[in-house]
PDB file of N, CA and C in Angstrom:
ATOM      1  N   MET A   1     -31.802 -17.718  16.157  1.00  0.00           N
ATOM      2  CA  MET A   1     -30.777 -16.940  16.833  1.00  0.00           C
ATOM      3  C   MET A   1     -30.128 -15.962  15.862  1.00  0.00           C
ATOM      4  N   LYS A   2     -29.763 -16.477  14.683  1.00  0.00           N
ATOM      5  CA  LYS A   2     -29.116 -15.640  13.681  1.00  0.00           C
ATOM      6  C   LYS A   2     -30.068 -14.545  13.195  1.00  0.00           C
ATOM      7  N   ARG A   3     -31.343 -14.895  12.994  1.00  0.00           N
ATOM      8  CA  ARG A   3     -32.335 -13.913  12.558  1.00  0.00           C
ATOM      9  C   ARG A   3     -32.546 -12.839  13.611  1.00  0.00           C
ATOM     10  N   SER A   4     -32.545 -13.240  14.866  1.00  0.00           N
ATOM     11  CA  SER A   4     -32.719 -12.269  15.951  1.00  0.00           C
ATOM     12  C   SER A   4     -31.578 -11.263  15.967  1.00  0.00           C
ATOM     13  N   LEU A   5     -30.374 -11.741  15.776  1.00  0.00           N
ATOM     14  CA  LEU A   5     -29.204 -10.871  15.758  1.00  0.00           C
ATOM     15  C   LEU A   5     -29.280  -9.896  14.586  1.00  0.00           C
ATOM     16  N   ILE A   6     -29.662 -10.385  13.416  1.00  0.00           N
ATOM     17  CA  ILE A   6     -29.795  -9.526  12.242  1.00  0.00           C
ATOM     18  C   ILE A   6     -30.882  -8.476  12.471  1.00  0.00           C
ATOM     19  N   ALA A   7     -31.993  -8.890  13.045  1.00  0.00           N
ATOM     20  CA  ALA A   7     -33.087  -7.955  13.325  1.00  0.00           C
ATOM     21  C   ALA A   7     -32.647  -6.877  14.306  1.00  0.00           C
ATOM     22  N   MET A   8     -31.912  -7.252  15.355  1.00  0.00           N
ATOM     23  CA  MET A   8     -31.446  -6.277  16.342  1.00  0.00           C
ATOM     24  C   MET A   8     -30.480  -5.281  15.711  1.00  0.00           C
ATOM     25  N   VAL A   9     -29.599  -5.761  14.858  1.00  0.00           N
ATOM     26  CA  VAL A   9     -28.652  -4.871  14.176  1.00  0.00           C
ATOM     27  C   VAL A   9     -29.400  -3.906  13.263  1.00  0.00           C
ATOM     28  N   ALA A  10     -30.400  -4.413  12.543  1.00  0.00           N
ATOM     29  CA  ALA A  10     -31.188  -3.558  11.648  1.00  0.00           C
ATOM     30  C   ALA A  10     -31.932  -2.480  12.435  1.00  0.00           C
ATOM     31  N   VAL A  11     -32.547  -2.845  13.531  1.00  0.00           N
ATOM     32  CA  VAL A  11     -33.272  -1.878  14.366  1.00  0.00           C
ATOM     33  C   VAL A  11     -32.306  -0.838  14.926  1.00  0.00           C
ATOM     34  N   ALA A  12     -31.156  -1.259  15.393  1.00  0.00           N
ATOM     35  CA  ALA A  12     -30.164  -0.322  15.924  1.00  0.00           C
ATOM     36  C   ALA A  12     -29.704   0.661  14.857  1.00  0.00           C
ATOM     37  N   TRP A  13     -29.524   0.170  13.637  1.00  0.00           N
ATOM     38  CA  TRP A  13     -29.099   1.039  12.544  1.00  0.00           C
ATOM     39  C   TRP A  13     -30.169   2.080  12.218  1.00  0.00           C
ATOM     40  N   VAL A  14     -31.435   1.658  12.156  1.00  0.00           N
ATOM     41  CA  VAL A  14     -32.531   2.578  11.864  1.00  0.00           C
ATOM     42  C   VAL A  14     -32.647   3.637  12.956  1.00  0.00           C
ATOM     43  N   VAL A  15     -32.593   3.219  14.208  1.00  0.00           N
ATOM     44  CA  VAL A  15     -32.710   4.156  15.327  1.00  0.00           C
ATOM     45  C   VAL A  15     -31.565   5.159  15.307  1.00  0.00           C
ATOM     46  N   SER A  16     -30.352   4.694  15.062  1.00  0.00           N
ATOM     47  CA  SER A  16     -29.207   5.616  15.041  1.00  0.00           C
ATOM     48  C   SER A  16     -29.295   6.567  13.854  1.00  0.00           C
ATOM     49  N   SER A  17     -29.820   6.112  12.725  1.00  0.00           N
ATOM     50  CA  SER A  17     -29.993   6.979  11.560  1.00  0.00           C
ATOM     51  C   SER A  17     -31.009   8.074  11.843  1.00  0.00           C
ATOM     52  N   LEU A  18     -32.128   7.709  12.471  1.00  0.00           N
ATOM     53  CA  LEU A  18     -33.151   8.699  12.813  1.00  0.00           C
ATOM     54  C   LEU A  18     -32.634   9.693  13.834  1.00  0.00           C
ATOM     55  N   ALA A  19     -31.877   9.222  14.805  1.00  0.00           N
ATOM     56  CA  ALA A  19     -31.307  10.114  15.814  1.00  0.00           C
ATOM     57  C   ALA A  19     -30.320  11.082  15.171  1.00  0.00           C
ATOM     58  N   ALA A  20     -29.525  10.601  14.245  1.00  0.00           N
ATOM     59  CA  ALA A  20     -28.563  11.460  13.557  1.00  0.00           C
ATOM     60  C   ALA A  20     -29.292  12.515  12.730  1.00  0.00           C
ATOM     61  N   MET A  21     -30.374  12.108  12.055  1.00  0.00           N
ATOM     62  CA  MET A  21     -31.136  13.058  11.253  1.00  0.00           C
ATOM     63  C   MET A  21     -31.743  14.140  12.134  1.00  0.00           C
ATOM     64  N   ALA A  22     -32.306  13.760  13.266  1.00  0.00           N
ATOM     65  CA  ALA A  22     -32.908  14.729  14.179  1.00  0.00           C
ATOM     66  C   ALA A  22     -31.853  15.685  14.707  1.00  0.00           C
ATOM     67  N   GLY A  23     -30.660  15.200  14.931  1.00  0.00           N
ATOM     68  CA  GLY A  23     -29.582  16.054  15.431  1.00  0.00           C
ATOM     69  C   GLY A  23     -29.113  17.049  14.393  1.00  0.00           C
ATOM     70  N   ASP A  24     -29.229  16.733  13.103  1.00  0.00           N
ATOM     71  CA  ASP A  24     -28.802  17.619  12.026  1.00  0.00           C
ATOM     72  C   ASP A  24     -29.891  18.597  11.609  1.00  0.00           C
ATOM     73  N   ALA A  25     -31.092  18.411  12.088  1.00  0.00           N
ATOM     74  CA  ALA A  25     -32.218  19.249  11.675  1.00  0.00           C
ATOM     75  C   ALA A  25     -32.000  20.694  12.111  1.00  0.00           C
ATOM     76  N   LYS A  26     -32.349  21.594  11.188  1.00  0.00           N
ATOM     77  CA  LYS A  26     -32.240  23.027  11.451  1.00  0.00           C
ATOM     78  C   LYS A  26     -33.597  23.659  11.192  1.00  0.00           C
ATOM     79  N   GLU A  27     -33.837  24.780  11.845  1.00  0.00           N
ATOM     80  CA  GLU A  27     -35.095  25.476  11.628  1.00  0.00           C
ATOM     81  C   GLU A  27     -35.084  26.124  10.248  1.00  0.00           C
ATOM     82  N   MET A  28     -36.142  25.886   9.485  1.00  0.00           N
ATOM     83  CA  MET A  28     -36.290  26.437   8.142  1.00  0.00           C
ATOM     84  C   MET A  28     -37.684  27.030   8.008  1.00  0.00           C
ATOM     85  N   THR A  29     -37.817  27.987   7.091  1.00  0.00           N
ATOM     86  CA  THR A  29     -39.127  28.534   6.760  1.00  0.00           C
ATOM     87  C   THR A  29     -39.426  28.171   5.317  1.00  0.00           C
ATOM     88  N   LEU A  30     -40.543  27.497   5.111  1.00  0.00           N
ATOM     89  CA  LEU A  30     -40.969  27.068   3.782  1.00  0.00           C
ATOM     90  C   LEU A  30     -42.280  27.756   3.435  1.00  0.00           C
ATOM     91  N   LYS A  31     -42.406  28.209   2.192  1.00  0.00           N
ATOM     92  CA  LYS A  31     -43.640  28.856   1.735  1.00  0.00           C
ATOM     93  C   LYS A  31     -44.210  28.067   0.578  1.00  0.00           C
ATOM     94  N   GLY A  32     -45.534  27.875   0.603  1.00  0.00           N
ATOM     95  CA  GLY A  32     -46.185  27.163  -0.479  1.00  0.00           C
ATOM     96  C   GLY A  32     -47.634  26.868  -0.164  1.00  0.00           C
ATOM     97  N   LYS A  33     -48.250  26.056  -1.012  1.00  0.00           N
ATOM     98  CA  LYS A  33     -49.659  25.694  -0.844  1.00  0.00           C
ATOM     99  C   LYS A  33     -49.743  24.326  -0.178  1.00  0.00           C
ATOM    100  N   LEU A  34     -50.536  24.242   0.881  1.00  0.00           N
ATOM    101  CA  LEU A  34     -50.669  23.007   1.654  1.00  0.00           C
ATOM    102  C   LEU A  34     -51.775  22.131   1.083  1.00  0.00           C
ATOM    103  N   ALA A  35     -51.450  20.857   0.895  1.00  0.00           N
ATOM    104  CA  ALA A  35     -52.427  19.883   0.390  1.00  0.00           C
ATOM    105  C   ALA A  35     -52.503  18.700   1.354  1.00  0.00           C
ATOM    106  N   LYS A  36     -53.657  18.034   1.329  1.00  0.00           N
ATOM    107  CA  LYS A  36     -53.879  16.866   2.187  1.00  0.00           C
ATOM    108  C   LYS A  36     -54.306  15.703   1.301  1.00  0.00           C
ATOM    109  N   ALA A  37     -53.751  14.528   1.579  1.00  0.00           N
ATOM    110  CA  ALA A  37     -54.135  13.327   0.832  1.00  0.00           C
ATOM    111  C   ALA A  37     -54.415  12.205   1.820  1.00  0.00           C
ATOM    112  N   GLU A  38     -55.410  11.373   1.483  1.00  0.00           N
ATOM    113  CA  GLU A  38     -55.738  10.214   2.308  1.00  0.00           C
ATOM    114  C   GLU A  38     -55.666   8.969   1.449  1.00  0.00           C
ATOM    115  N   LYS A  39     -54.943   7.965   1.946  1.00  0.00           N
ATOM    116  CA  LYS A  39     -54.839   6.697   1.229  1.00  0.00           C
ATOM    117  C   LYS A  39     -54.787   5.579   2.246  1.00  0.00           C
ATOM    118  N   ASP A  40     -55.655   4.612   2.100  1.00  0.00           N
ATOM    119  CA  ASP A  40     -55.730   3.463   3.004  1.00  0.00           C
ATOM    120  C   ASP A  40     -55.833   3.891   4.472  1.00  0.00           C
ATOM    121  N   GLY A  41     -56.597   4.944   4.719  1.00  0.00           N
ATOM    122  CA  GLY A  41     -56.796   5.411   6.081  1.00  0.00           C
ATOM    123  C   GLY A  41     -55.639   6.227   6.658  1.00  0.00           C
ATOM    124  N   LYS A  42     -54.610   6.470   5.854  1.00  0.00           N
ATOM    125  CA  LYS A  42     -53.456   7.236   6.319  1.00  0.00           C
ATOM    126  C   LYS A  42     -53.492   8.626   5.681  1.00  0.00           C
ATOM    127  N   VAL A  43     -53.307   9.661   6.492  1.00  0.00           N
ATOM    128  CA  VAL A  43     -53.353  11.039   6.030  1.00  0.00           C
ATOM    129  C   VAL A  43     -51.934  11.572   5.874  1.00  0.00           C
ATOM    130  N   THR A  44     -51.679  12.237   4.737  1.00  0.00           N
ATOM    131  CA  THR A  44     -50.387  12.896   4.533  1.00  0.00           C
ATOM    132  C   THR A  44     -50.631  14.343   4.130  1.00  0.00           C
ATOM    133  N   TYR A  45     -49.732  15.219   4.560  1.00  0.00           N
ATOM    134  CA  TYR A  45     -49.779  16.630   4.221  1.00  0.00           C
ATOM    135  C   TYR A  45     -48.548  16.948   3.384  1.00  0.00           C
ATOM    136  N   THR A  46     -48.756  17.697   2.295  1.00  0.00           N
ATOM    137  CA  THR A  46     -47.663  18.066   1.404  1.00  0.00           C
ATOM    138  C   THR A  46     -47.694  19.567   1.175  1.00  0.00           C
ATOM    139  N   LEU A  47     -46.526  20.177   1.230  1.00  0.00           N
ATOM    140  CA  LEU A  47     -46.394  21.606   0.972  1.00  0.00           C
ATOM    141  C   LEU A  47     -45.717  21.763  -0.387  1.00  0.00           C
ATOM    142  N   ALA A  48     -46.438  22.337  -1.357  1.00  0.00           N
ATOM    143  CA  ALA A  48     -45.896  22.557  -2.704  1.00  0.00           C
ATOM    144  C   ALA A  48     -45.139  23.878  -2.692  1.00  0.00           C
ATOM    145  N   THR A  49     -43.798  23.796  -2.722  1.00  0.00           N
ATOM    146  CA  THR A  49     -42.961  24.997  -2.656  1.00  0.00           C
ATOM    147  C   THR A  49     -42.285  25.241  -4.001  1.00  0.00           C
ATOM    148  N   ALA A  50     -41.972  26.500  -4.277  1.00  0.00           N
ATOM    149  CA  ALA A  50     -41.263  26.839  -5.511  1.00  0.00           C
ATOM    150  C   ALA A  50     -39.796  26.433  -5.408  1.00  0.00           C
ATOM    151  N   ALA A  51     -39.219  26.587  -4.238  1.00  0.00           N
ATOM    152  CA  ALA A  51     -37.782  26.345  -4.058  1.00  0.00           C
ATOM    153  C   ALA A  51     -37.412  24.867  -3.923  1.00  0.00           C
ATOM    154  N   HIS A  52     -38.284  24.065  -3.303  1.00  0.00           N
ATOM    155  CA  HIS A  52     -37.922  22.680  -2.973  1.00  0.00           C
ATOM    156  C   HIS A  52     -38.889  21.636  -3.535  1.00  0.00           C
ATOM    157  N   GLY A  53     -39.839  22.038  -4.343  1.00  0.00           N
ATOM    158  CA  GLY A  53     -40.823  21.083  -4.858  1.00  0.00           C
ATOM    159  C   GLY A  53     -41.806  20.695  -3.764  1.00  0.00           C
ATOM    160  N   ASN A  54     -42.320  19.482  -3.832  1.00  0.00           N
ATOM    161  CA  ASN A  54     -43.275  19.004  -2.825  1.00  0.00           C
ATOM    162  C   ASN A  54     -42.530  18.481  -1.610  1.00  0.00           C
ATOM    163  N   VAL A  55     -42.864  19.048  -0.444  1.00  0.00           N
ATOM    164  CA  VAL A  55     -42.234  18.663   0.815  1.00  0.00           C
ATOM    165  C   VAL A  55     -43.300  18.034   1.704  1.00  0.00           C
ATOM    166  N   VAL A  56     -43.051  16.812   2.161  1.00  0.00           N
ATOM    167  CA  VAL A  56     -43.999  16.112   3.032  1.00  0.00           C
ATOM    168  C   VAL A  56     -43.833  16.628   4.460  1.00  0.00           C
ATOM    169  N   LEU A  57     -44.962  16.989   5.071  1.00  0.00           N
ATOM    170  CA  LEU A  57     -44.961  17.455   6.456  1.00  0.00           C
ATOM    171  C   LEU A  57     -45.517  16.365   7.359  1.00  0.00           C
ATOM    172  N   PRO A  58     -44.836  16.083   8.470  1.00  0.00           N
ATOM    173  CA  PRO A  58     -45.396  15.106   9.408  1.00  0.00           C
ATOM    174  C   PRO A  58     -46.590  15.714  10.137  1.00  0.00           C
ATOM    175  N   ALA A  59     -47.537  14.882  10.500  1.00  0.00           N
ATOM    176  CA  ALA A  59     -48.682  15.372  11.275  1.00  0.00           C
ATOM    177  C   ALA A  59     -48.180  15.849  12.629  1.00  0.00           C
ATOM    178  N   PRO A  60     -48.446  17.098  12.983  1.00  0.00           N
ATOM    179  CA  PRO A  60     -47.957  17.623  14.262  1.00  0.00           C
ATOM    180  C   PRO A  60     -48.587  16.901  15.445  1.00  0.00           C
ATOM    181  N   LYS A  61     -47.791  16.762  16.504  1.00  0.00           N
ATOM    182  CA  LYS A  61     -48.289  16.164  17.740  1.00  0.00           C
ATOM    183  C   LYS A  61     -47.601  16.875  18.904  1.00  0.00           C
ATOM    184  N   ALA A  62     -48.249  16.853  20.051  1.00  0.00           N
ATOM    185  CA  ALA A  62     -47.691  17.489  21.236  1.00  0.00           C
ATOM    186  C   ALA A  62     -46.554  16.638  21.781  1.00  0.00           C
ATOM    187  N   GLU A  63     -45.384  17.251  21.963  1.00  0.00           N
ATOM    188  CA  GLU A  63     -44.255  16.520  22.531  1.00  0.00           C
ATOM    189  C   GLU A  63     -44.255  16.602  24.054  1.00  0.00           C
ATOM    190  N   LYS A  64     -44.870  17.668  24.565  1.00  0.00           N
ATOM    191  CA  LYS A  64     -44.952  17.846  26.005  1.00  0.00           C
ATOM    192  C   LYS A  64     -46.427  17.966  26.386  1.00  0.00           C
ATOM    193  N   GLU A  65     -46.748  17.520  27.571  1.00  0.00           N
ATOM    194  CA  GLU A  65     -48.129  17.610  28.029  1.00  0.00           C
ATOM    195  C   GLU A  65     -48.541  19.074  28.107  1.00  0.00           C
ATOM    196  N   GLY A  66     -49.719  19.386  27.549  1.00  0.00           N
ATOM    197  CA  GLY A  66     -50.229  20.743  27.568  1.00  0.00           C
ATOM    198  C   GLY A  66     -49.757  21.593  26.398  1.00  0.00           C
ATOM    199  N   GLU A  67     -48.851  21.065  25.560  1.00  0.00           N
ATOM    200  CA  GLU A  67     -48.358  21.806  24.406  1.00  0.00           C
ATOM    201  C   GLU A  67     -49.449  21.887  23.340  1.00  0.00           C
ATOM    202  N   LYS A  68     -49.584  23.058  22.713  1.00  0.00           N
ATOM    203  CA  LYS A  68     -50.585  23.261  21.677  1.00  0.00           C
ATOM    204  C   LYS A  68     -50.197  22.479  20.421  1.00  0.00           C
ATOM    205  N   VAL A  69     -51.172  21.789  19.832  1.00  0.00           N
ATOM    206  CA  VAL A  69     -50.952  21.023  18.609  1.00  0.00           C
ATOM    207  C   VAL A  69     -51.471  21.840  17.422  1.00  0.00           C
ATOM    208  N   ILE A  70     -50.662  21.951  16.379  1.00  0.00           N
ATOM    209  CA  ILE A  70     -51.060  22.670  15.171  1.00  0.00           C
ATOM    210  C   ILE A  70     -51.994  21.772  14.370  1.00  0.00           C
ATOM    211  N   VAL A  71     -53.152  22.290  13.992  1.00  0.00           N
ATOM    212  CA  VAL A  71     -54.122  21.527  13.204  1.00  0.00           C
ATOM    213  C   VAL A  71     -53.927  21.920  11.742  1.00  0.00           C
ATOM    214  N   LEU A  72     -53.231  21.079  10.983  1.00  0.00           N
ATOM    215  CA  LEU A  72     -52.925  21.394   9.588  1.00  0.00           C
ATOM    216  C   LEU A  72     -54.180  21.450   8.716  1.00  0.00           C
ATOM    217  N   ASP A  73     -55.243  20.748   9.115  1.00  0.00           N
ATOM    218  CA  ASP A  73     -56.491  20.777   8.342  1.00  0.00           C
ATOM    219  C   ASP A  73     -57.013  22.204   8.181  1.00  0.00           C
ATOM    220  N   ASP A  74     -56.724  23.077   9.145  1.00  0.00           N
ATOM    221  CA  ASP A  74     -57.180  24.469   9.079  1.00  0.00           C
ATOM    222  C   ASP A  74     -56.498  25.239   7.948  1.00  0.00           C
ATOM    223  N   PHE A  75     -55.392  24.723   7.409  1.00  0.00           N
ATOM    224  CA  PHE A  75     -54.600  25.439   6.410  1.00  0.00           C
ATOM    225  C   PHE A  75     -54.611  24.775   5.027  1.00  0.00           C
ATOM    226  N   VAL A  76     -55.303  23.648   4.879  1.00  0.00           N
ATOM    227  CA  VAL A  76     -55.325  22.915   3.609  1.00  0.00           C
ATOM    228  C   VAL A  76     -55.926  23.796   2.513  1.00  0.00           C
ATOM    229  N   GLY A  77     -55.236  23.859   1.379  1.00  0.00           N
ATOM    230  CA  GLY A  77     -55.694  24.650   0.239  1.00  0.00           C
ATOM    231  C   GLY A  77     -55.235  26.092   0.261  1.00  0.00           C
ATOM    232  N   ALA A  78     -54.581  26.503   1.324  1.00  0.00           N
ATOM    233  CA  ALA A  78     -54.145  27.896   1.467  1.00  0.00           C
ATOM    234  C   ALA A  78     -52.645  28.036   1.242  1.00  0.00           C
ATOM    235  N   GLN A  79     -52.236  29.252   0.874  1.00  0.00           N
ATOM    236  CA  GLN A  79     -50.814  29.583   0.811  1.00  0.00           C
ATOM    237  C   GLN A  79     -50.363  29.794   2.256  1.00  0.00           C
ATOM    238  N   VAL A  80     -49.310  29.107   2.651  1.00  0.00           N
ATOM    239  CA  VAL A  80     -48.857  29.194   4.039  1.00  0.00           C
ATOM    240  C   VAL A  80     -47.352  29.412   4.114  1.00  0.00           C
ATOM    241  N   GLU A  81     -46.939  29.845   5.284  1.00  0.00           N
ATOM    242  CA  GLU A  81     -45.527  29.927   5.634  1.00  0.00           C
ATOM    243  C   GLU A  81     -45.355  28.996   6.829  1.00  0.00           C
ATOM    244  N   ALA A  82     -44.570  27.933   6.645  1.00  0.00           N
ATOM    245  CA  ALA A  82     -44.394  26.936   7.698  1.00  0.00           C
ATOM    246  C   ALA A  82     -42.975  27.006   8.244  1.00  0.00           C
ATOM    247  N   THR A  83     -42.879  27.108   9.547  1.00  0.00           N
ATOM    248  CA  THR A  83     -41.585  27.025  10.209  1.00  0.00           C
ATOM    249  C   THR A  83     -41.429  25.581  10.648  1.00  0.00           C
ATOM    250  N   VAL A  84     -40.335  24.944  10.201  1.00  0.00           N
ATOM    251  CA  VAL A  84     -40.140  23.517  10.443  1.00  0.00           C
ATOM    252  C   VAL A  84     -38.716  23.237  10.898  1.00  0.00           C
ATOM    253  N   MET A  85     -38.549  22.074  11.509  1.00  0.00           N
ATOM    254  CA  MET A  85     -37.212  21.542  11.784  1.00  0.00           C
ATOM    255  C   MET A  85     -36.970  20.532  10.670  1.00  0.00           C
ATOM    256  N   ALA A  86     -35.907  20.736   9.889  1.00  0.00           N
ATOM    257  CA  ALA A  86     -35.703  19.901   8.711  1.00  0.00           C
ATOM    258  C   ALA A  86     -34.231  19.767   8.348  1.00  0.00           C
ATOM    259  N   VAL A  87     -33.972  18.782   7.508  1.00  0.00           N
ATOM    260  CA  VAL A  87     -32.648  18.556   6.934  1.00  0.00           C
ATOM    261  C   VAL A  87     -32.784  18.751   5.430  1.00  0.00           C
ATOM    262  N   ALA A  88     -31.935  19.614   4.864  1.00  0.00           N
ATOM    263  CA  ALA A  88     -31.912  19.824   3.412  1.00  0.00           C
ATOM    264  C   ALA A  88     -30.638  19.196   2.874  1.00  0.00           C
ATOM    265  N   GLU A  89     -30.789  18.358   1.853  1.00  0.00           N
ATOM    266  CA  GLU A  89     -29.618  17.711   1.268  1.00  0.00           C
ATOM    267  C   GLU A  89     -29.799  17.564  -0.239  1.00  0.00           C
ATOM    268  N   GLU A  90     -28.704  17.329  -0.919  1.00  0.00           N
ATOM    269  CA  GLU A  90     -28.695  17.159  -2.368  1.00  0.00           C
ATOM    270  C   GLU A  90     -28.778  15.668  -2.693  1.00  0.00           C
ATOM    271  N   LYS A  91     -29.767  15.276  -3.503  1.00  0.00           N
ATOM    272  CA  LYS A  91     -29.915  13.876  -3.928  1.00  0.00           C
ATOM    273  C   LYS A  91     -30.178  13.864  -5.427  1.00  0.00           C
ATOM    274  N   ASP A  92     -29.319  13.207  -6.168  1.00  0.00           N
ATOM    275  CA  ASP A  92     -29.462  13.102  -7.625  1.00  0.00           C
ATOM    276  C   ASP A  92     -29.612  14.472  -8.282  1.00  0.00           C
ATOM    277  N   GLY A  93     -28.866  15.453  -7.797  1.00  0.00           N
ATOM    278  CA  GLY A  93     -28.896  16.788  -8.381  1.00  0.00           C
ATOM    279  C   GLY A  93     -30.081  17.638  -7.969  1.00  0.00           C
ATOM    280  N   LYS A  94     -30.925  17.130  -7.068  1.00  0.00           N
ATOM    281  CA  LYS A  94     -32.091  17.876  -6.596  1.00  0.00           C
ATOM    282  C   LYS A  94     -31.944  18.145  -5.110  1.00  0.00           C
ATOM    283  N   LYS A  95     -32.413  19.306  -4.674  1.00  0.00           N
ATOM    284  CA  LYS A  95     -32.400  19.630  -3.254  1.00  0.00           C
ATOM    285  C   LYS A  95     -33.643  19.005  -2.623  1.00  0.00           C
ATOM    286  N   VAL A  96     -33.420  18.141  -1.626  1.00  0.00           N
ATOM    287  CA  VAL A  96     -34.509  17.432  -0.960  1.00  0.00           C
ATOM    288  C   VAL A  96     -34.579  17.895   0.492  1.00  0.00           C
ATOM    289  N   VAL A  97     -35.784  18.216   0.945  1.00  0.00           N
ATOM    290  CA  VAL A  97     -35.993  18.652   2.322  1.00  0.00           C
ATOM    291  C   VAL A  97     -36.792  17.577   3.056  1.00  0.00           C
ATOM    292  N   THR A  98     -36.234  17.094   4.180  1.00  0.00           N
ATOM    293  CA  THR A  98     -36.906  16.103   5.012  1.00  0.00           C
ATOM    294  C   THR A  98     -37.279  16.772   6.328  1.00  0.00           C
ATOM    295  N   VAL A  99     -38.568  16.901   6.579  1.00  0.00           N
ATOM    296  CA  VAL A  99     -39.075  17.607   7.757  1.00  0.00           C
ATOM    297  C   VAL A  99     -39.269  16.620   8.899  1.00  0.00           C
ATOM    298  N   SER A 100     -38.724  16.972  10.074  1.00  0.00           N
ATOM    299  CA  SER A 100     -38.897  16.125  11.249  1.00  0.00           C
ATOM    300  C   SER A 100     -39.961  16.673  12.204  1.00  0.00           C
ATOM    301  N   LYS A 101     -40.216  18.005  12.146  1.00  0.00           N
ATOM    302  CA  LYS A 101     -41.205  18.597  13.058  1.00  0.00           C
ATOM    303  C   LYS A 101     -41.739  19.892  12.472  1.00  0.00           C
ATOM    304  N   VAL A 102     -43.044  20.104  12.613  1.00  0.00           N
ATOM    305  CA  VAL A 102     -43.663  21.368  12.230  1.00  0.00           C
ATOM    306  C   VAL A 102     -43.731  22.231  13.481  1.00  0.00           C
ATOM    307  N   VAL A 103     -43.088  23.395  13.439  1.00  0.00           N
ATOM    308  CA  VAL A 103     -43.030  24.283  14.594  1.00  0.00           C
ATOM    309  C   VAL A 103     -44.197  25.265  14.582  1.00  0.00           C
ATOM    310  N   ASP A 104     -44.483  25.852  13.401  1.00  0.00           N
ATOM    311  CA  ASP A 104     -45.541  26.857  13.302  1.00  0.00           C
ATOM    312  C   ASP A 104     -46.023  26.934  11.852  1.00  0.00           C
ATOM    313  N   VAL A 105     -47.284  27.287  11.670  1.00  0.00           N
ATOM    314  CA  VAL A 105     -47.850  27.488  10.341  1.00  0.00           C
ATOM    315  C   VAL A 105     -48.747  28.712  10.392  1.00  0.00           C
ATOM    316  N   LYS A 106     -48.623  29.569   9.363  1.00  0.00           N
ATOM    317  CA  LYS A 106     -49.535  30.715   9.268  1.00  0.00           C
ATOM    318  C   LYS A 106     -49.877  30.962   7.814  1.00  0.00           C
ATOM    319  N   LYS A 107     -51.107  31.461   7.577  1.00  0.00           N
ATOM    320  CA  LYS A 107     -51.550  31.776   6.225  1.00  0.00           C
ATOM    321  C   LYS A 107     -50.857  33.048   5.763  1.00  0.00           C
ATOM    322  N   VAL A 108     -50.573  33.090   4.462  1.00  0.00           N
ATOM    323  CA  VAL A 108     -49.988  34.296   3.863  1.00  0.00           C
ATOM    324  C   VAL A 108     -50.846  34.707   2.666  1.00  0.00           C
ATOM    325  N   GLU A 109     -50.725  35.953   2.270  1.00  0.00           N
ATOM    326  CA  GLU A 109     -51.466  36.477   1.128  1.00  0.00           C
ATOM    327  C   GLU A 109     -50.963  35.822  -0.146  1.00  0.00           C
ATOM    328  N   GLU A 110     -51.888  35.432  -1.023  1.00  0.00           N
ATOM    329  CA  GLU A 110     -51.506  34.854  -2.309  1.00  0.00           C
ATOM    330  C   GLU A 110     -51.133  35.981  -3.253  1.00  0.00           C
ATOM    331  N   LYS A 111     -50.021  35.811  -3.984  1.00  0.00           N
ATOM    332  CA  LYS A 111     -49.589  36.814  -4.964  1.00  0.00           C
ATOM    333  C   LYS A 111     -50.352  36.583  -6.265  1.00  0.00           C
ATOM    334  N   GLU A 112     -50.760  37.652  -6.880  1.00  0.00           N
ATOM    335  CA  GLU A 112     -51.503  37.517  -8.138  1.00  0.00           C
ATOM    336  C   GLU A 112     -50.624  37.836  -9.306  1.00  0.00           C
TER     337      GLU A 112
END
């Protein structure tokens, strides 16, 4: 009984934290080189930016039926400009960007 109560409180706290983060998310444009990594069958995408360091991008998925899904594999290894919904905050003197949704991605010309 006590464990169930603790588990319910923990789940409620996590859900409310995620909801709060999503509510604070603002549209941002990030530029950098997109990389893909696979570990234990899990795929992660990282955008190496000059301004924010490495930013992890969630795998895009359709939120509404019929909505177009962005295929990040098409952009791996390229310089891109990504429009995202994200929260930027200061942690230990570093600016950290947490992305909740990828809105759009397009390739950009690499500067020489």
